[in-house]
PDB file of N, CA and C in Angstrom:
ATOM      1  N   MET A   1      63.594 -31.137 -30.311  1.00  0.00           N
ATOM      2  CA  MET A   1      62.402 -30.970 -29.494  1.00  0.00           C
ATOM      3  C   MET A   1      62.421 -31.983 -28.361  1.00  0.00           C
ATOM      4  N   LYS A   2      61.961 -31.575 -27.220  1.00  0.00           N
ATOM      5  CA  LYS A   2      61.919 -32.458 -26.061  1.00  0.00           C
ATOM      6  C   LYS A   2      60.878 -33.549 -26.265  1.00  0.00           C
ATOM      7  N   GLU A   3      61.150 -34.709 -25.673  1.00  0.00           N
ATOM      8  CA  GLU A   3      60.199 -35.809 -25.741  1.00  0.00           C
ATOM      9  C   GLU A   3      58.971 -35.448 -24.918  1.00  0.00           C
ATOM     10  N   LEU A   4      57.821 -35.678 -25.474  1.00  0.00           N
ATOM     11  CA  LEU A   4      56.569 -35.358 -24.800  1.00  0.00           C
ATOM     12  C   LEU A   4      55.934 -36.627 -24.249  1.00  0.00           C
ATOM     13  N   ALA A   5      55.258 -36.481 -23.132  1.00  0.00           N
ATOM     14  CA  ALA A   5      54.511 -37.582 -22.524  1.00  0.00           C
ATOM     15  C   ALA A   5      53.089 -37.094 -22.290  1.00  0.00           C
ATOM     16  N   ARG A   6      52.137 -37.961 -22.403  1.00  0.00           N
ATOM     17  CA  ARG A   6      50.739 -37.590 -22.252  1.00  0.00           C
ATOM     18  C   ARG A   6      50.330 -37.622 -20.785  1.00  0.00           C
ATOM     19  N   ALA A   7      49.533 -36.617 -20.389  1.00  0.00           N
ATOM     20  CA  ALA A   7      48.981 -36.556 -19.034  1.00  0.00           C
ATOM     21  C   ALA A   7      47.524 -36.134 -19.146  1.00  0.00           C
ATOM     22  N   THR A   8      46.706 -36.674 -18.294  1.00  0.00           N
ATOM     23  CA  THR A   8      45.290 -36.307 -18.278  1.00  0.00           C
ATOM     24  C   THR A   8      45.034 -35.455 -17.043  1.00  0.00           C
ATOM     25  N   VAL A   9      44.366 -34.324 -17.255  1.00  0.00           N
ATOM     26  CA  VAL A   9      44.101 -33.395 -16.173  1.00  0.00           C
ATOM     27  C   VAL A   9      42.634 -33.000 -16.202  1.00  0.00           C
ATOM     28  N   THR A  10      42.003 -32.975 -15.050  1.00  0.00           N
ATOM     29  CA  THR A  10      40.630 -32.497 -14.948  1.00  0.00           C
ATOM     30  C   THR A  10      40.688 -31.061 -14.439  1.00  0.00           C
ATOM     31  N   LEU A  11      40.083 -30.154 -15.210  1.00  0.00           N
ATOM     32  CA  LEU A  11      40.124 -28.729 -14.891  1.00  0.00           C
ATOM     33  C   LEU A  11      38.716 -28.165 -14.778  1.00  0.00           C
ATOM     34  N   PRO A  12      38.560 -27.109 -13.992  1.00  0.00           N
ATOM     35  CA  PRO A  12      37.277 -26.415 -13.983  1.00  0.00           C
ATOM     36  C   PRO A  12      36.986 -25.865 -15.386  1.00  0.00           C
ATOM     37  N   LYS A  13      35.733 -25.885 -15.764  1.00  0.00           N
ATOM     38  CA  LYS A  13      35.324 -25.444 -17.097  1.00  0.00           C
ATOM     39  C   LYS A  13      35.804 -24.021 -17.383  1.00  0.00           C
ATOM     40  N   GLU A  14      35.721 -23.137 -16.394  1.00  0.00           N
ATOM     41  CA  GLU A  14      36.112 -21.738 -16.589  1.00  0.00           C
ATOM     42  C   GLU A  14      37.606 -21.620 -16.909  1.00  0.00           C
ATOM     43  N   LEU A  15      38.401 -22.450 -16.261  1.00  0.00           N
ATOM     44  CA  LEU A  15      39.839 -22.420 -16.508  1.00  0.00           C
ATOM     45  C   LEU A  15      40.145 -22.899 -17.926  1.00  0.00           C
ATOM     46  N   LEU A  16      39.482 -23.942 -18.343  1.00  0.00           N
ATOM     47  CA  LEU A  16      39.681 -24.455 -19.697  1.00  0.00           C
ATOM     48  C   LEU A  16      39.237 -23.432 -20.732  1.00  0.00           C
ATOM     49  N   GLU A  17      38.149 -22.730 -20.465  1.00  0.00           N
ATOM     50  CA  GLU A  17      37.691 -21.681 -21.388  1.00  0.00           C
ATOM     51  C   GLU A  17      38.721 -20.558 -21.476  1.00  0.00           C
ATOM     52  N   GLU A  18      39.337 -20.215 -20.364  1.00  0.00           N
ATOM     53  CA  GLU A  18      40.369 -19.168 -20.356  1.00  0.00           C
ATOM     54  C   GLU A  18      41.603 -19.621 -21.137  1.00  0.00           C
ATOM     55  N   ILE A  19      41.968 -20.890 -20.995  1.00  0.00           N
ATOM     56  CA  ILE A  19      43.087 -21.441 -21.760  1.00  0.00           C
ATOM     57  C   ILE A  19      42.775 -21.394 -23.252  1.00  0.00           C
ATOM     58  N   ASP A  20      41.562 -21.759 -23.616  1.00  0.00           N
ATOM     59  CA  ASP A  20      41.157 -21.708 -25.026  1.00  0.00           C
ATOM     60  C   ASP A  20      41.195 -20.269 -25.556  1.00  0.00           C
ATOM     61  N   ARG A  21      40.777 -19.313 -24.706  1.00  0.00           N
ATOM     62  CA  ARG A  21      40.820 -17.906 -25.120  1.00  0.00           C
ATOM     63  C   ARG A  21      42.260 -17.476 -25.382  1.00  0.00           C
ATOM     64  N   LEU A  22      43.181 -17.872 -24.487  1.00  0.00           N
ATOM     65  CA  LEU A  22      44.592 -17.556 -24.688  1.00  0.00           C
ATOM     66  C   LEU A  22      45.131 -18.209 -25.960  1.00  0.00           C
ATOM     67  N   ALA A  23      44.764 -19.455 -26.167  1.00  0.00           N
ATOM     68  CA  ALA A  23      45.237 -20.175 -27.348  1.00  0.00           C
ATOM     69  C   ALA A  23      44.775 -19.477 -28.626  1.00  0.00           C
ATOM     70  N   LYS A  24      43.541 -19.062 -28.642  1.00  0.00           N
ATOM     71  CA  LYS A  24      43.006 -18.381 -29.825  1.00  0.00           C
ATOM     72  C   LYS A  24      43.730 -17.052 -30.053  1.00  0.00           C
ATOM     73  N   GLY A  25      43.963 -16.309 -28.972  1.00  0.00           N
ATOM     74  CA  GLY A  25      44.645 -15.023 -29.084  1.00  0.00           C
ATOM     75  C   GLY A  25      46.093 -15.150 -29.509  1.00  0.00           C
ATOM     76  N   ARG A  26      46.716 -16.253 -29.177  1.00  0.00           N
ATOM     77  CA  ARG A  26      48.127 -16.471 -29.518  1.00  0.00           C
ATOM     78  C   ARG A  26      48.288 -17.328 -30.775  1.00  0.00           C
ATOM     79  N   LEU A  27      47.186 -17.649 -31.394  1.00  0.00           N
ATOM     80  CA  LEU A  27      47.185 -18.501 -32.586  1.00  0.00           C
ATOM     81  C   LEU A  27      47.898 -19.826 -32.306  1.00  0.00           C
ATOM     82  N   GLY A  28      47.611 -20.372 -31.154  1.00  0.00           N
ATOM     83  CA  GLY A  28      48.190 -21.655 -30.772  1.00  0.00           C
ATOM     84  C   GLY A  28      47.085 -22.636 -30.459  1.00  0.00           C
ATOM     85  N   ASP A  29      47.476 -23.832 -30.121  1.00  0.00           N
ATOM     86  CA  ASP A  29      46.469 -24.818 -29.739  1.00  0.00           C
ATOM     87  C   ASP A  29      46.461 -24.966 -28.223  1.00  0.00           C
ATOM     88  N   ARG A  30      45.425 -25.572 -27.731  1.00  0.00           N
ATOM     89  CA  ARG A  30      45.218 -25.735 -26.288  1.00  0.00           C
ATOM     90  C   ARG A  30      46.405 -26.430 -25.626  1.00  0.00           C
ATOM     91  N   SER A  31      46.894 -27.503 -26.203  1.00  0.00           N
ATOM     92  CA  SER A  31      48.001 -28.260 -25.604  1.00  0.00           C
ATOM     93  C   SER A  31      49.269 -27.416 -25.502  1.00  0.00           C
ATOM     94  N   THR A  32      49.568 -26.669 -26.535  1.00  0.00           N
ATOM     95  CA  THR A  32      50.765 -25.824 -26.519  1.00  0.00           C
ATOM     96  C   THR A  32      50.668 -24.769 -25.430  1.00  0.00           C
ATOM     97  N   ILE A  33      49.523 -24.116 -25.333  1.00  0.00           N
ATOM     98  CA  ILE A  33      49.320 -23.079 -24.309  1.00  0.00           C
ATOM     99  C   ILE A  33      49.424 -23.694 -22.918  1.00  0.00           C
ATOM    100  N   MET A  34      48.843 -24.850 -22.713  1.00  0.00           N
ATOM    101  CA  MET A  34      48.909 -25.503 -21.402  1.00  0.00           C
ATOM    102  C   MET A  34      50.350 -25.855 -21.047  1.00  0.00           C
ATOM    103  N   ARG A  35      51.131 -26.347 -22.020  1.00  0.00           N
ATOM    104  CA  ARG A  35      52.552 -26.650 -21.762  1.00  0.00           C
ATOM    105  C   ARG A  35      53.306 -25.386 -21.393  1.00  0.00           C
ATOM    106  N   GLN A  36      53.049 -24.297 -22.125  1.00  0.00           N
ATOM    107  CA  GLN A  36      53.726 -23.032 -21.842  1.00  0.00           C
ATOM    108  C   GLN A  36      53.372 -22.511 -20.448  1.00  0.00           C
ATOM    109  N   LEU A  37      52.097 -22.568 -20.102  1.00  0.00           N
ATOM    110  CA  LEU A  37      51.664 -22.088 -18.787  1.00  0.00           C
ATOM    111  C   LEU A  37      52.238 -22.944 -17.661  1.00  0.00           C
ATOM    112  N   LEU A  38      52.249 -24.254 -17.847  1.00  0.00           N
ATOM    113  CA  LEU A  38      52.820 -25.142 -16.832  1.00  0.00           C
ATOM    114  C   LEU A  38      54.321 -24.905 -16.664  1.00  0.00           C
ATOM    115  N   ALA A  39      55.024 -24.729 -17.772  1.00  0.00           N
ATOM    116  CA  ALA A  39      56.465 -24.478 -17.700  1.00  0.00           C
ATOM    117  C   ALA A  39      56.739 -23.169 -16.953  1.00  0.00           C
ATOM    118  N   LYS A  40      55.937 -22.147 -17.255  1.00  0.00           N
ATOM    119  CA  LYS A  40      56.107 -20.853 -16.575  1.00  0.00           C
ATOM    120  C   LYS A  40      55.801 -20.982 -15.078  1.00  0.00           C
ATOM    121  N   ALA A  41      54.744 -21.685 -14.747  1.00  0.00           N
ATOM    122  CA  ALA A  41      54.379 -21.878 -13.340  1.00  0.00           C
ATOM    123  C   ALA A  41      55.456 -22.663 -12.598  1.00  0.00           C
ATOM    124  N   LEU A  42      56.032 -23.671 -13.223  1.00  0.00           N
ATOM    125  CA  LEU A  42      57.092 -24.452 -12.593  1.00  0.00           C
ATOM    126  C   LEU A  42      58.332 -23.594 -12.353  1.00  0.00           C
ATOM    127  N   ARG A  43      58.692 -22.743 -13.341  1.00  0.00           N
ATOM    128  CA  ARG A  43      59.835 -21.831 -13.153  1.00  0.00           C
ATOM    129  C   ARG A  43      59.589 -20.916 -11.966  1.00  0.00           C
ATOM    130  N   MET A  44      58.387 -20.357 -11.891  1.00  0.00           N
ATOM    131  CA  MET A  44      58.047 -19.446 -10.802  1.00  0.00           C
ATOM    132  C   MET A  44      58.062 -20.171  -9.458  1.00  0.00           C
ATOM    133  N   GLU A  45      57.563 -21.390  -9.423  1.00  0.00           N
ATOM    134  CA  GLU A  45      57.526 -22.167  -8.181  1.00  0.00           C
ATOM    135  C   GLU A  45      58.939 -22.495  -7.701  1.00  0.00           C
ATOM    136  N   LYS A  46      59.846 -22.835  -8.633  1.00  0.00           N
ATOM    137  CA  LYS A  46      61.232 -23.104  -8.268  1.00  0.00           C
ATOM    138  C   LYS A  46      61.877 -21.865  -7.658  1.00  0.00           C
ATOM    139  N   ILE A  47      61.585 -20.704  -8.218  1.00  0.00           N
ATOM    140  CA  ILE A  47      62.136 -19.456  -7.690  1.00  0.00           C
ATOM    141  C   ILE A  47      61.585 -19.196  -6.297  1.00  0.00           C
ATOM    142  N   GLU A  48      60.269 -19.350  -6.126  1.00  0.00           N
ATOM    143  CA  GLU A  48      59.659 -19.122  -4.813  1.00  0.00           C
ATOM    144  C   GLU A  48      60.250 -20.065  -3.768  1.00  0.00           C
ATOM    145  N   GLU A  49      60.427 -21.325  -4.129  1.00  0.00           N
ATOM    146  CA  GLU A  49      60.999 -22.318  -3.216  1.00  0.00           C
ATOM    147  C   GLU A  49      62.420 -21.909  -2.811  1.00  0.00           C
ATOM    148  N   ALA A  50      63.207 -21.480  -3.783  1.00  0.00           N
ATOM    149  CA  ALA A  50      64.590 -21.084  -3.507  1.00  0.00           C
ATOM    150  C   ALA A  50      64.653 -19.833  -2.641  1.00  0.00           C
ATOM    151  N   VAL A  51      63.820 -18.837  -2.938  1.00  0.00           N
ATOM    152  CA  VAL A  51      63.809 -17.601  -2.148  1.00  0.00           C
ATOM    153  C   VAL A  51      63.415 -17.902  -0.711  1.00  0.00           C
ATOM    154  N   LYS A  52      62.381 -18.689  -0.530  1.00  0.00           N
ATOM    155  CA  LYS A  52      61.903 -19.008   0.819  1.00  0.00           C
ATOM    156  C   LYS A  52      62.974 -19.751   1.620  1.00  0.00           C
ATOM    157  N   ALA A  53      63.574 -20.762   1.014  1.00  0.00           N
ATOM    158  CA  ALA A  53      64.596 -21.537   1.711  1.00  0.00           C
ATOM    159  C   ALA A  53      65.817 -20.676   2.025  1.00  0.00           C
ATOM    160  N   PHE A  54      66.201 -19.803   1.096  1.00  0.00           N
ATOM    161  CA  PHE A  54      67.332 -18.910   1.342  1.00  0.00           C
ATOM    162  C   PHE A  54      67.014 -17.929   2.461  1.00  0.00           C
ATOM    163  N   GLN A  55      65.837 -17.340   2.403  1.00  0.00           N
ATOM    164  CA  GLN A  55      65.435 -16.354   3.405  1.00  0.00           C
ATOM    165  C   GLN A  55      65.381 -16.979   4.801  1.00  0.00           C
ATOM    166  N   GLU A  56      64.980 -18.225   4.884  1.00  0.00           N
ATOM    167  CA  GLU A  56      64.902 -18.927   6.172  1.00  0.00           C
ATOM    168  C   GLU A  56      66.256 -19.466   6.620  1.00  0.00           C
ATOM    169  N   GLY A  57      67.286 -19.267   5.798  1.00  0.00           N
ATOM    170  CA  GLY A  57      68.621 -19.725   6.151  1.00  0.00           C
ATOM    171  C   GLY A  57      68.822 -21.216   5.976  1.00  0.00           C
ATOM    172  N   LYS A  58      67.937 -21.859   5.243  1.00  0.00           N
ATOM    173  CA  LYS A  58      68.026 -23.313   5.070  1.00  0.00           C
ATOM    174  C   LYS A  58      69.021 -23.710   3.981  1.00  0.00           C
ATOM    175  N   ILE A  59      69.266 -22.798   3.026  1.00  0.00           N
ATOM    176  CA  ILE A  59      70.204 -23.086   1.944  1.00  0.00           C
ATOM    177  C   ILE A  59      71.083 -21.861   1.698  1.00  0.00           C
ATOM    178  N   SER A  60      72.233 -22.100   1.109  1.00  0.00           N
ATOM    179  CA  SER A  60      73.175 -21.028   0.781  1.00  0.00           C
ATOM    180  C   SER A  60      72.722 -20.298  -0.480  1.00  0.00           C
ATOM    181  N   LEU A  61      73.378 -19.194  -0.755  1.00  0.00           N
ATOM    182  CA  LEU A  61      73.081 -18.449  -1.977  1.00  0.00           C
ATOM    183  C   LEU A  61      73.345 -19.328  -3.200  1.00  0.00           C
ATOM    184  N   GLY A  62      74.458 -20.048  -3.194  1.00  0.00           N
ATOM    185  CA  GLY A  62      74.788 -20.918  -4.325  1.00  0.00           C
ATOM    186  C   GLY A  62      73.734 -21.992  -4.557  1.00  0.00           C
ATOM    187  N   LYS A  63      73.263 -22.612  -3.473  1.00  0.00           N
ATOM    188  CA  LYS A  63      72.235 -23.644  -3.590  1.00  0.00           C
ATOM    189  C   LYS A  63      70.910 -23.024  -4.048  1.00  0.00           C
ATOM    190  N   ALA A  64      70.616 -21.816  -3.583  1.00  0.00           N
ATOM    191  CA  ALA A  64      69.381 -21.143  -3.992  1.00  0.00           C
ATOM    192  C   ALA A  64      69.409 -20.841  -5.489  1.00  0.00           C
ATOM    193  N   VAL A  65      70.552 -20.394  -5.974  1.00  0.00           N
ATOM    194  CA  VAL A  65      70.717 -20.116  -7.407  1.00  0.00           C
ATOM    195  C   VAL A  65      70.499 -21.394  -8.214  1.00  0.00           C
ATOM    196  N   GLU A  66      71.070 -22.474  -7.724  1.00  0.00           N
ATOM    197  CA  GLU A  66      70.925 -23.772  -8.390  1.00  0.00           C
ATOM    198  C   GLU A  66      69.469 -24.231  -8.368  1.00  0.00           C
ATOM    199  N   THR A  67      68.815 -24.114  -7.223  1.00  0.00           N
ATOM    200  CA  THR A  67      67.421 -24.532  -7.076  1.00  0.00           C
ATOM    201  C   THR A  67      66.504 -23.734  -7.991  1.00  0.00           C
ATOM    202  N   ALA A  68      66.749 -22.429  -8.066  1.00  0.00           N
ATOM    203  CA  ALA A  68      65.914 -21.549  -8.886  1.00  0.00           C
ATOM    204  C   ALA A  68      66.242 -21.663 -10.368  1.00  0.00           C
ATOM    205  N   ASP A  69      67.370 -22.294 -10.685  1.00  0.00           N
ATOM    206  CA  ASP A  69      67.827 -22.434 -12.074  1.00  0.00           C
ATOM    207  C   ASP A  69      67.999 -21.054 -12.727  1.00  0.00           C
ATOM    208  N   LEU A  70      68.670 -20.159 -11.975  1.00  0.00           N
ATOM    209  CA  LEU A  70      68.938 -18.803 -12.445  1.00  0.00           C
ATOM    210  C   LEU A  70      70.427 -18.529 -12.314  1.00  0.00           C
ATOM    211  N   SER A  71      70.860 -17.426 -12.933  1.00  0.00           N
ATOM    212  CA  SER A  71      72.228 -16.977 -12.693  1.00  0.00           C
ATOM    213  C   SER A  71      72.256 -16.317 -11.316  1.00  0.00           C
ATOM    214  N   THR A  72      73.450 -16.177 -10.783  1.00  0.00           N
ATOM    215  CA  THR A  72      73.591 -15.509  -9.486  1.00  0.00           C
ATOM    216  C   THR A  72      73.011 -14.102  -9.560  1.00  0.00           C
ATOM    217  N   TRP A  73      73.307 -13.388 -10.637  1.00  0.00           N
ATOM    218  CA  TRP A  73      72.832 -12.000 -10.762  1.00  0.00           C
ATOM    219  C   TRP A  73      71.316 -11.941 -10.844  1.00  0.00           C
ATOM    220  N   GLU A  74      70.704 -12.875 -11.564  1.00  0.00           N
ATOM    221  CA  GLU A  74      69.241 -12.898 -11.645  1.00  0.00           C
ATOM    222  C   GLU A  74      68.625 -13.131 -10.272  1.00  0.00           C
ATOM    223  N   PHE A  75      69.219 -14.058  -9.517  1.00  0.00           N
ATOM    224  CA  PHE A  75      68.683 -14.357  -8.184  1.00  0.00           C
ATOM    225  C   PHE A  75      68.885 -13.173  -7.245  1.00  0.00           C
ATOM    226  N   LEU A  76      70.057 -12.538  -7.311  1.00  0.00           N
ATOM    227  CA  LEU A  76      70.311 -11.355  -6.480  1.00  0.00           C
ATOM    228  C   LEU A  76      69.333 -10.231  -6.807  1.00  0.00           C
ATOM    229  N   ASP A  77      68.993 -10.082  -8.085  1.00  0.00           N
ATOM    230  CA  ASP A  77      67.998  -9.069  -8.476  1.00  0.00           C
ATOM    231  C   ASP A  77      66.642  -9.360  -7.843  1.00  0.00           C
ATOM    232  N   ILE A  78      66.245 -10.617  -7.820  1.00  0.00           N
ATOM    233  CA  ILE A  78      64.967 -11.001  -7.206  1.00  0.00           C
ATOM    234  C   ILE A  78      64.998 -10.700  -5.715  1.00  0.00           C
ATOM    235  N   LEU A  79      66.107 -11.038  -5.054  1.00  0.00           N
ATOM    236  CA  LEU A  79      66.222 -10.726  -3.627  1.00  0.00           C
ATOM    237  C   LEU A  79      66.131  -9.221  -3.397  1.00  0.00           C
ATOM    238  N   ALA A  80      66.806  -8.447  -4.229  1.00  0.00           N
ATOM    239  CA  ALA A  80      66.778  -6.986  -4.074  1.00  0.00           C
ATOM    240  C   ALA A  80      65.368  -6.439  -4.282  1.00  0.00           C
ATOM    241  N   GLU A  81      64.668  -6.944  -5.285  1.00  0.00           N
ATOM    242  CA  GLU A  81      63.291  -6.495  -5.544  1.00  0.00           C
ATOM    243  C   GLU A  81      62.402  -6.752  -4.332  1.00  0.00           C
ATOM    244  N   ARG A  82      62.674  -7.833  -3.627  1.00  0.00           N
ATOM    245  CA  ARG A  82      61.864  -8.212  -2.466  1.00  0.00           C
ATOM    246  C   ARG A  82      62.442  -7.684  -1.149  1.00  0.00           C
ATOM    247  N   LYS A  83      63.513  -6.907  -1.283  1.00  0.00           N
ATOM    248  CA  LYS A  83      64.183  -6.329  -0.105  1.00  0.00           C
ATOM    249  C   LYS A  83      64.637  -7.406   0.888  1.00  0.00           C
ATOM    250  N   ILE A  84      65.157  -8.487   0.332  1.00  0.00           N
ATOM    251  CA  ILE A  84      65.699  -9.589   1.136  1.00  0.00           C
ATOM    252  C   ILE A  84      67.215  -9.480   1.071  1.00  0.00           C
ATOM    253  N   PRO A  85      67.883  -9.361   2.217  1.00  0.00           N
ATOM    254  CA  PRO A  85      69.338  -9.258   2.202  1.00  0.00           C
ATOM    255  C   PRO A  85      69.970 -10.516   1.609  1.00  0.00           C
ATOM    256  N   SER A  86      71.011 -10.309   0.811  1.00  0.00           N
ATOM    257  CA  SER A  86      71.666 -11.459   0.191  1.00  0.00           C
ATOM    258  C   SER A  86      72.777 -12.028   1.063  1.00  0.00           C
ATOM    259  N   TYR A  87      73.160 -11.279   2.095  1.00  0.00           N
ATOM    260  CA  TYR A  87      74.190 -11.757   3.020  1.00  0.00           C
ATOM    261  C   TYR A  87      73.662 -11.651   4.432  1.00  0.00           C
ATOM    262  N   ARG A  88      73.950 -12.662   5.220  1.00  0.00           N
ATOM    263  CA  ARG A  88      73.503 -12.655   6.604  1.00  0.00           C
ATOM    264  C   ARG A  88      74.715 -12.804   7.515  1.00  0.00           C
ATOM    265  N   TYR A  89      74.698 -12.049   8.565  1.00  0.00           N
ATOM    266  CA  TYR A  89      75.740 -12.144   9.584  1.00  0.00           C
ATOM    267  C   TYR A  89      75.076 -12.463  10.910  1.00  0.00           C
ATOM    268  N   SER A  90      75.755 -13.259  11.700  1.00  0.00           N
ATOM    269  CA  SER A  90      75.300 -13.429  13.075  1.00  0.00           C
ATOM    270  C   SER A  90      75.707 -12.164  13.814  1.00  0.00           C
ATOM    271  N   ALA A  91      75.194 -11.981  15.010  1.00  0.00           N
ATOM    272  CA  ALA A  91      75.549 -10.797  15.794  1.00  0.00           C
ATOM    273  C   ALA A  91      77.048 -10.750  16.036  1.00  0.00           C
ATOM    274  N   ASN A  92      77.659 -11.895  16.347  1.00  0.00           N
ATOM    275  CA  ASN A  92      79.107 -11.939  16.584  1.00  0.00           C
ATOM    276  C   ASN A  92      79.893 -11.620  15.322  1.00  0.00           C
ATOM    277  N   GLU A  93      79.472 -12.168  14.197  1.00  0.00           N
ATOM    278  CA  GLU A  93      80.164 -11.881  12.940  1.00  0.00           C
ATOM    279  C   GLU A  93      80.074 -10.400  12.599  1.00  0.00           C
ATOM    280  N   ALA A  94      78.906  -9.815  12.777  1.00  0.00           N
ATOM    281  CA  ALA A  94      78.729  -8.392  12.503  1.00  0.00           C
ATOM    282  C   ALA A  94      79.606  -7.554  13.428  1.00  0.00           C
ATOM    283  N   ARG A  95      79.636  -7.907  14.721  1.00  0.00           N
ATOM    284  CA  ARG A  95      80.457  -7.178  15.690  1.00  0.00           C
ATOM    285  C   ARG A  95      81.924  -7.246  15.306  1.00  0.00           C
ATOM    286  N   ARG A  96      82.410  -8.447  14.958  1.00  0.00           N
ATOM    287  CA  ARG A  96      83.811  -8.605  14.566  1.00  0.00           C
ATOM    288  C   ARG A  96      84.136  -7.813  13.307  1.00  0.00           C
ATOM    289  N   ALA A  97      83.229  -7.819  12.338  1.00  0.00           N
ATOM    290  CA  ALA A  97      83.459  -7.073  11.101  1.00  0.00           C
ATOM    291  C   ALA A  97      83.526  -5.572  11.371  1.00  0.00           C
ATOM    292  N   ILE A  98      82.651  -5.078  12.237  1.00  0.00           N
ATOM    293  CA  ILE A  98      82.659  -3.650  12.581  1.00  0.00           C
ATOM    294  C   ILE A  98      83.936  -3.298  13.332  1.00  0.00           C
ATOM    295  N   GLU A  99      84.318  -4.130  14.295  1.00  0.00           N
ATOM    296  CA  GLU A  99      85.544  -3.880  15.055  1.00  0.00           C
ATOM    297  C   GLU A  99      86.759  -3.873  14.137  1.00  0.00           C
ATOM    298  N   LYS A 100      86.810  -4.794  13.216  1.00  0.00           N
ATOM    299  CA  LYS A 100      87.939  -4.863  12.286  1.00  0.00           C
ATOM    300  C   LYS A 100      87.987  -3.609  11.422  1.00  0.00           C
ATOM    301  N   ALA A 101      86.840  -3.193  10.909  1.00  0.00           N
ATOM    302  CA  ALA A 101      86.798  -1.991  10.063  1.00  0.00           C
ATOM    303  C   ALA A 101      87.237  -0.776  10.854  1.00  0.00           C
ATOM    304  N   LEU A 102      86.811  -0.677  12.103  1.00  0.00           N
ATOM    305  CA  LEU A 102      87.208   0.461  12.944  1.00  0.00           C
ATOM    306  C   LEU A 102      88.713   0.432  13.205  1.00  0.00           C
ATOM    307  N   ARG A 103      89.278  -0.736  13.518  1.00  0.00           N
ATOM    308  CA  ARG A 103      90.716  -0.851  13.746  1.00  0.00           C
ATOM    309  C   ARG A 103      91.497  -0.443  12.500  1.00  0.00           C
ATOM    310  N   GLU A 104      91.005  -0.878  11.340  1.00  0.00           N
ATOM    311  CA  GLU A 104      91.691  -0.530  10.091  1.00  0.00           C
ATOM    312  C   GLU A 104      91.680   0.972   9.853  1.00  0.00           C
ATOM    313  N   LYS A 105      90.701   1.667  10.385  1.00  0.00           N
ATOM    314  CA  LYS A 105      90.628   3.127  10.283  1.00  0.00           C
ATOM    315  C   LYS A 105      91.392   3.816  11.407  1.00  0.00           C
ATOM    316  N   GLY A 106      91.979   2.998  12.302  1.00  0.00           N
ATOM    317  CA  GLY A 106      92.722   3.559  13.405  1.00  0.00           C
ATOM    318  C   GLY A 106      91.873   3.986  14.583  1.00  0.00           C
ATOM    319  N   ILE A 107      90.665   3.495  14.646  1.00  0.00           N
ATOM    320  CA  ILE A 107      89.747   3.847  15.728  1.00  0.00           C
ATOM    321  C   ILE A 107      89.715   2.686  16.722  1.00  0.00           C
ATOM    322  N   GLU A 108      90.108   2.965  17.939  1.00  0.00           N
ATOM    323  CA  GLU A 108      90.083   1.929  18.981  1.00  0.00           C
ATOM    324  C   GLU A 108      88.750   1.965  19.712  1.00  0.00           C
ATOM    325  N   ILE A 109      88.269   0.803  20.070  1.00  0.00           N
ATOM    326  CA  ILE A 109      86.988   0.725  20.792  1.00  0.00           C
ATOM    327  C   ILE A 109      87.178   0.132  22.159  1.00  0.00           C
TER     328      ILE A 109
END
């Protein structure tokens, strides 16, 4: 089991009541539910941070995978779900790739 450290948090009463409702429904205690919810929120935040940085071209696919703490395939699935291209070409790179493909087919431009 991971080492636990104590933290004090002030929450709105309604939020604490909702946490207690979840704890009761899951037959768990308040602290366990709060740890689970925080862990899930942190995982989601890491993914959002990685997707945003990747989409803005600030980090590579490999760095985004590392940041999100996912496998490459999991991260690619998230990009596909959001219709975010996983590969980016500059206009020159795209032009060169198209020209090369056409030459390989025997088509001169």
